C-alpha cells in the first residue's frame, strides 16, 4: 500500500523501519544489512529524509547514527499509516 505514496523502494523501507521503531538508531551499513539494500542507495535516501526532517543524525565518535526525529510534526500519523498499510498487505496475502 505504501508503494503508491512512496515510490522509492529504499526510502519506503527506511520510513517503515524508523516509523515502527522510533528509538532505533543505526549507521548506514547496519541499516543496509537490516533492510538488505545497497549502502549507497541508503545513504542517498537518508540525506533526503534528513533534509525533510524525518531523520536526524547523531554523531558518535567518527560515525553518524541515524534515528527518527521524534519531533517530526507528522510522526504519529506516519506511524499509523505504516501499521495500517502492513495490516492491509497481510490481509491481502492471507486471502
N, C-alpha and C. Protein backbone atom coordinates (compact mmCIF):
# COMPACT_ATOMS: atom_id res chain seq x y z
N UNK A 1 0.81 -1.20 0.00
CA UNK A 1 0.00 0.00 0.00
C UNK A 1 0.86 1.27 0.00
N UNK A 2 1.94 1.28 0.76
CA UNK A 2 2.80 2.46 0.82
C UNK A 2 3.46 2.77 -0.52
N UNK A 3 3.62 1.75 -1.37
CA UNK A 3 4.30 1.96 -2.65
C UNK A 3 3.56 2.96 -3.54
N UNK A 4 2.28 3.16 -3.29
CA UNK A 4 1.52 4.15 -4.05
C UNK A 4 1.97 5.56 -3.70
N UNK A 5 2.32 5.78 -2.45
CA UNK A 5 2.66 7.11 -1.98
C UNK A 5 4.16 7.36 -1.90
N UNK A 6 4.92 6.33 -1.59
CA UNK A 6 6.39 6.43 -1.51
C UNK A 6 6.93 5.52 -2.60
N UNK A 7 7.30 6.12 -3.73
CA UNK A 7 7.66 5.31 -4.89
C UNK A 7 9.05 4.69 -4.80
N UNK A 8 9.94 5.27 -4.03
CA UNK A 8 11.28 4.71 -3.88
C UNK A 8 11.23 3.52 -2.91
N UNK A 9 11.63 2.34 -3.39
CA UNK A 9 11.61 1.13 -2.57
C UNK A 9 12.51 1.29 -1.34
N UNK A 10 13.69 1.86 -1.53
CA UNK A 10 14.63 2.02 -0.43
C UNK A 10 14.09 3.02 0.58
N UNK A 11 13.57 4.14 0.11
CA UNK A 11 13.01 5.14 1.03
C UNK A 11 11.85 4.56 1.82
N UNK A 12 11.01 3.78 1.15
CA UNK A 12 9.87 3.15 1.81
C UNK A 12 10.33 2.22 2.93
N UNK A 13 11.36 1.42 2.68
CA UNK A 13 11.87 0.51 3.71
C UNK A 13 12.44 1.29 4.89
N UNK A 14 13.13 2.38 4.61
CA UNK A 14 13.71 3.20 5.69
C UNK A 14 12.59 3.83 6.51
N UNK A 15 11.60 4.38 5.86
CA UNK A 15 10.47 5.01 6.57
C UNK A 15 9.76 3.99 7.46
N UNK A 16 9.55 2.79 6.94
CA UNK A 16 8.88 1.75 7.72
C UNK A 16 9.68 1.42 8.98
N UNK A 17 10.99 1.24 8.84
CA UNK A 17 11.83 0.90 10.00
C UNK A 17 11.76 1.98 11.07
N UNK A 18 11.98 3.23 10.66
CA UNK A 18 12.04 4.31 11.65
C UNK A 18 10.66 4.73 12.16
N UNK A 19 9.60 4.51 11.39
CA UNK A 19 8.26 4.81 11.88
C UNK A 19 7.81 3.76 12.89
N UNK A 20 8.10 2.49 12.60
CA UNK A 20 7.70 1.42 13.52
C UNK A 20 8.54 1.40 14.79
N UNK A 21 9.81 1.75 14.65
CA UNK A 21 10.74 1.68 15.78
C UNK A 21 11.45 3.02 15.95
N UNK A 22 10.76 4.02 16.49
CA UNK A 22 11.34 5.37 16.58
C UNK A 22 12.57 5.47 17.49
N UNK A 23 12.82 4.48 18.33
CA UNK A 23 14.01 4.50 19.18
C UNK A 23 15.21 3.83 18.52
N UNK A 24 15.01 3.26 17.35
CA UNK A 24 16.06 2.56 16.63
C UNK A 24 17.09 3.56 16.11
N UNK A 25 18.36 3.23 16.31
CA UNK A 25 19.48 4.05 15.82
C UNK A 25 20.42 3.12 15.08
N UNK A 26 20.93 3.59 13.96
CA UNK A 26 21.83 2.74 13.19
C UNK A 26 22.72 3.59 12.30
N UNK A 27 23.86 3.03 11.93
CA UNK A 27 24.70 3.65 10.91
C UNK A 27 24.27 3.06 9.57
N UNK A 28 24.79 3.61 8.49
CA UNK A 28 24.35 3.22 7.15
C UNK A 28 24.52 1.71 6.92
N UNK A 29 25.68 1.17 7.26
CA UNK A 29 25.94 -0.24 6.98
C UNK A 29 25.02 -1.16 7.80
N UNK A 30 24.73 -0.79 9.03
CA UNK A 30 23.83 -1.59 9.85
C UNK A 30 22.42 -1.59 9.26
N UNK A 31 21.99 -0.43 8.79
CA UNK A 31 20.68 -0.33 8.17
C UNK A 31 20.65 -1.11 6.86
N UNK A 32 21.74 -1.06 6.11
CA UNK A 32 21.83 -1.79 4.84
C UNK A 32 21.68 -3.29 5.07
N UNK A 33 22.32 -3.76 6.11
CA UNK A 33 22.24 -5.19 6.44
C UNK A 33 20.81 -5.56 6.86
N UNK A 34 20.17 -4.69 7.63
CA UNK A 34 18.82 -4.95 8.12
C UNK A 34 17.80 -5.01 6.99
N UNK A 35 17.84 -4.03 6.09
CA UNK A 35 16.81 -3.96 5.05
C UNK A 35 17.28 -4.55 3.71
N UNK A 36 18.50 -5.08 3.72
CA UNK A 36 19.05 -5.77 2.55
C UNK A 36 19.04 -4.89 1.29
N UNK A 37 19.63 -3.72 1.44
CA UNK A 37 19.76 -2.78 0.32
C UNK A 37 21.19 -2.25 0.27
N UNK A 38 21.55 -1.67 -0.85
CA UNK A 38 22.89 -1.14 -1.07
C UNK A 38 23.14 0.09 -0.19
N UNK A 39 24.27 0.13 0.52
CA UNK A 39 24.56 1.28 1.39
C UNK A 39 24.56 2.62 0.66
N UNK A 40 25.01 2.64 -0.59
CA UNK A 40 25.00 3.89 -1.36
C UNK A 40 23.60 4.42 -1.57
N UNK A 41 22.68 3.54 -1.91
CA UNK A 41 21.28 3.94 -2.09
C UNK A 41 20.67 4.39 -0.78
N UNK A 42 21.02 3.70 0.29
CA UNK A 42 20.51 4.08 1.61
C UNK A 42 21.02 5.45 2.01
N UNK A 43 22.30 5.70 1.78
CA UNK A 43 22.90 7.00 2.11
C UNK A 43 22.17 8.12 1.38
N UNK A 44 21.89 7.93 0.11
CA UNK A 44 21.19 8.94 -0.70
C UNK A 44 19.79 9.21 -0.13
N UNK A 45 19.06 8.14 0.21
CA UNK A 45 17.71 8.32 0.74
C UNK A 45 17.73 8.92 2.15
N UNK A 46 18.72 8.55 2.95
CA UNK A 46 18.83 9.14 4.29
C UNK A 46 19.05 10.64 4.19
N UNK A 47 19.87 11.09 3.24
CA UNK A 47 20.09 12.53 3.05
C UNK A 47 18.78 13.23 2.76
N UNK A 48 17.95 12.62 1.92
CA UNK A 48 16.64 13.22 1.60
C UNK A 48 15.74 13.26 2.83
N UNK A 49 15.75 12.19 3.61
CA UNK A 49 14.90 12.13 4.80
C UNK A 49 15.40 13.06 5.91
N UNK A 50 16.71 13.26 5.98
CA UNK A 50 17.27 14.24 6.93
C UNK A 50 16.84 15.64 6.51
N UNK A 51 16.94 15.95 5.21
CA UNK A 51 16.54 17.26 4.70
C UNK A 51 15.05 17.52 4.96
N UNK A 52 14.24 16.47 4.91
CA UNK A 52 12.80 16.62 5.16
C UNK A 52 12.49 16.74 6.65
N UNK A 53 13.45 16.38 7.50
CA UNK A 53 13.25 16.48 8.94
C UNK A 53 12.77 15.20 9.61
N UNK A 54 12.55 14.14 8.84
CA UNK A 54 12.07 12.89 9.41
C UNK A 54 13.16 12.13 10.16
N UNK A 55 14.38 12.20 9.66
CA UNK A 55 15.53 11.52 10.26
C UNK A 55 16.48 12.57 10.81
N UNK A 56 17.12 12.24 11.93
CA UNK A 56 18.15 13.13 12.47
C UNK A 56 19.46 12.34 12.56
N UNK A 57 20.54 13.07 12.55
CA UNK A 57 21.88 12.46 12.62
C UNK A 57 22.45 12.73 14.00
N UNK A 58 22.96 11.67 14.62
CA UNK A 58 23.68 11.80 15.89
C UNK A 58 25.11 11.36 15.64
N UNK A 59 26.05 12.21 15.97
CA UNK A 59 27.46 11.88 15.80
C UNK A 59 27.93 11.11 17.03
N UNK A 60 28.55 9.96 16.80
CA UNK A 60 29.12 9.17 17.89
C UNK A 60 30.53 8.78 17.45
N UNK A 61 31.50 9.48 18.01
CA UNK A 61 32.87 9.27 17.54
C UNK A 61 32.97 9.73 16.10
N UNK A 62 33.47 8.87 15.24
CA UNK A 62 33.57 9.20 13.83
C UNK A 62 32.43 8.64 13.02
N UNK A 63 31.38 8.19 13.68
CA UNK A 63 30.27 7.53 13.00
C UNK A 63 29.00 8.36 13.10
N UNK A 64 28.25 8.38 12.02
CA UNK A 64 26.93 9.00 12.04
C UNK A 64 25.89 7.94 12.35
N UNK A 65 25.11 8.18 13.37
CA UNK A 65 23.98 7.30 13.69
C UNK A 65 22.71 8.02 13.26
N UNK A 66 21.84 7.28 12.60
CA UNK A 66 20.59 7.85 12.11
C UNK A 66 19.45 7.36 12.99
N UNK A 67 18.54 8.28 13.31
CA UNK A 67 17.41 7.95 14.17
C UNK A 67 16.20 8.77 13.72
N UNK A 68 15.03 8.31 14.08
CA UNK A 68 13.81 9.06 13.77
C UNK A 68 13.82 10.35 14.59
N UNK A 69 13.37 11.41 13.97
CA UNK A 69 13.21 12.68 14.67
C UNK A 69 11.85 12.64 15.36
N UNK A 70 11.87 12.44 16.66
CA UNK A 70 10.62 12.29 17.41
C UNK A 70 9.81 13.59 17.46
N UNK A 71 10.41 14.70 17.02
CA UNK A 71 9.69 15.98 16.95
C UNK A 71 9.10 16.22 15.57
N UNK A 72 9.28 15.27 14.66
CA UNK A 72 8.74 15.43 13.31
C UNK A 72 7.23 15.62 13.41
N UNK A 73 6.71 16.68 12.80
CA UNK A 73 5.30 17.05 13.01
C UNK A 73 4.27 15.95 12.70
N UNK A 74 4.55 15.09 11.75
CA UNK A 74 3.55 14.06 11.40
C UNK A 74 4.04 12.64 11.71
N UNK A 75 4.92 12.52 12.68
CA UNK A 75 5.46 11.20 13.03
C UNK A 75 4.35 10.24 13.45
N UNK A 76 3.47 10.67 14.32
CA UNK A 76 2.40 9.78 14.81
C UNK A 76 1.49 9.33 13.66
N UNK A 77 1.15 10.26 12.79
CA UNK A 77 0.30 9.92 11.65
C UNK A 77 1.01 8.94 10.72
N UNK A 78 2.30 9.18 10.50
CA UNK A 78 3.09 8.30 9.64
C UNK A 78 3.18 6.90 10.24
N UNK A 79 3.36 6.83 11.54
CA UNK A 79 3.39 5.52 12.22
C UNK A 79 2.06 4.79 12.02
N UNK A 80 0.96 5.48 12.16
CA UNK A 80 -0.36 4.87 11.97
C UNK A 80 -0.54 4.38 10.54
N UNK A 81 -0.08 5.16 9.57
CA UNK A 81 -0.19 4.77 8.16
C UNK A 81 0.64 3.52 7.90
N UNK A 82 1.85 3.46 8.42
CA UNK A 82 2.72 2.30 8.22
C UNK A 82 2.06 1.04 8.80
N UNK A 83 1.57 1.15 10.01
CA UNK A 83 0.95 -0.01 10.67
C UNK A 83 -0.30 -0.45 9.90
N UNK A 84 -1.15 0.49 9.51
CA UNK A 84 -2.36 0.14 8.77
C UNK A 84 -2.02 -0.48 7.42
N UNK A 85 -1.03 0.06 6.73
CA UNK A 85 -0.68 -0.48 5.41
C UNK A 85 -0.12 -1.89 5.53
N UNK A 86 0.61 -2.16 6.60
CA UNK A 86 1.12 -3.51 6.79
C UNK A 86 0.00 -4.49 7.12
N UNK A 87 -1.00 -4.05 7.88
CA UNK A 87 -2.15 -4.90 8.17
C UNK A 87 -2.92 -5.20 6.89
N UNK A 88 -3.10 -4.21 6.04
CA UNK A 88 -3.81 -4.40 4.78
C UNK A 88 -3.04 -5.38 3.90
N UNK A 89 -1.73 -5.21 3.80
CA UNK A 89 -0.91 -6.12 2.99
C UNK A 89 -0.99 -7.54 3.52
N UNK A 90 -0.96 -7.70 4.83
CA UNK A 90 -1.03 -9.03 5.44
C UNK A 90 -2.38 -9.67 5.14
N UNK A 91 -3.45 -8.89 5.25
CA UNK A 91 -4.80 -9.41 4.97
C UNK A 91 -4.94 -9.83 3.51
N UNK A 92 -4.34 -9.08 2.60
CA UNK A 92 -4.40 -9.44 1.18
C UNK A 92 -3.67 -10.75 0.92
N UNK A 93 -2.54 -10.97 1.62
CA UNK A 93 -1.78 -12.20 1.45
C UNK A 93 -2.53 -13.39 2.02
N UNK A 94 -3.25 -13.16 3.13
CA UNK A 94 -4.00 -14.25 3.78
C UNK A 94 -5.22 -14.68 2.99
N UNK A 95 -5.76 -13.78 2.19
CA UNK A 95 -6.99 -14.09 1.42
C UNK A 95 -6.69 -14.73 0.12
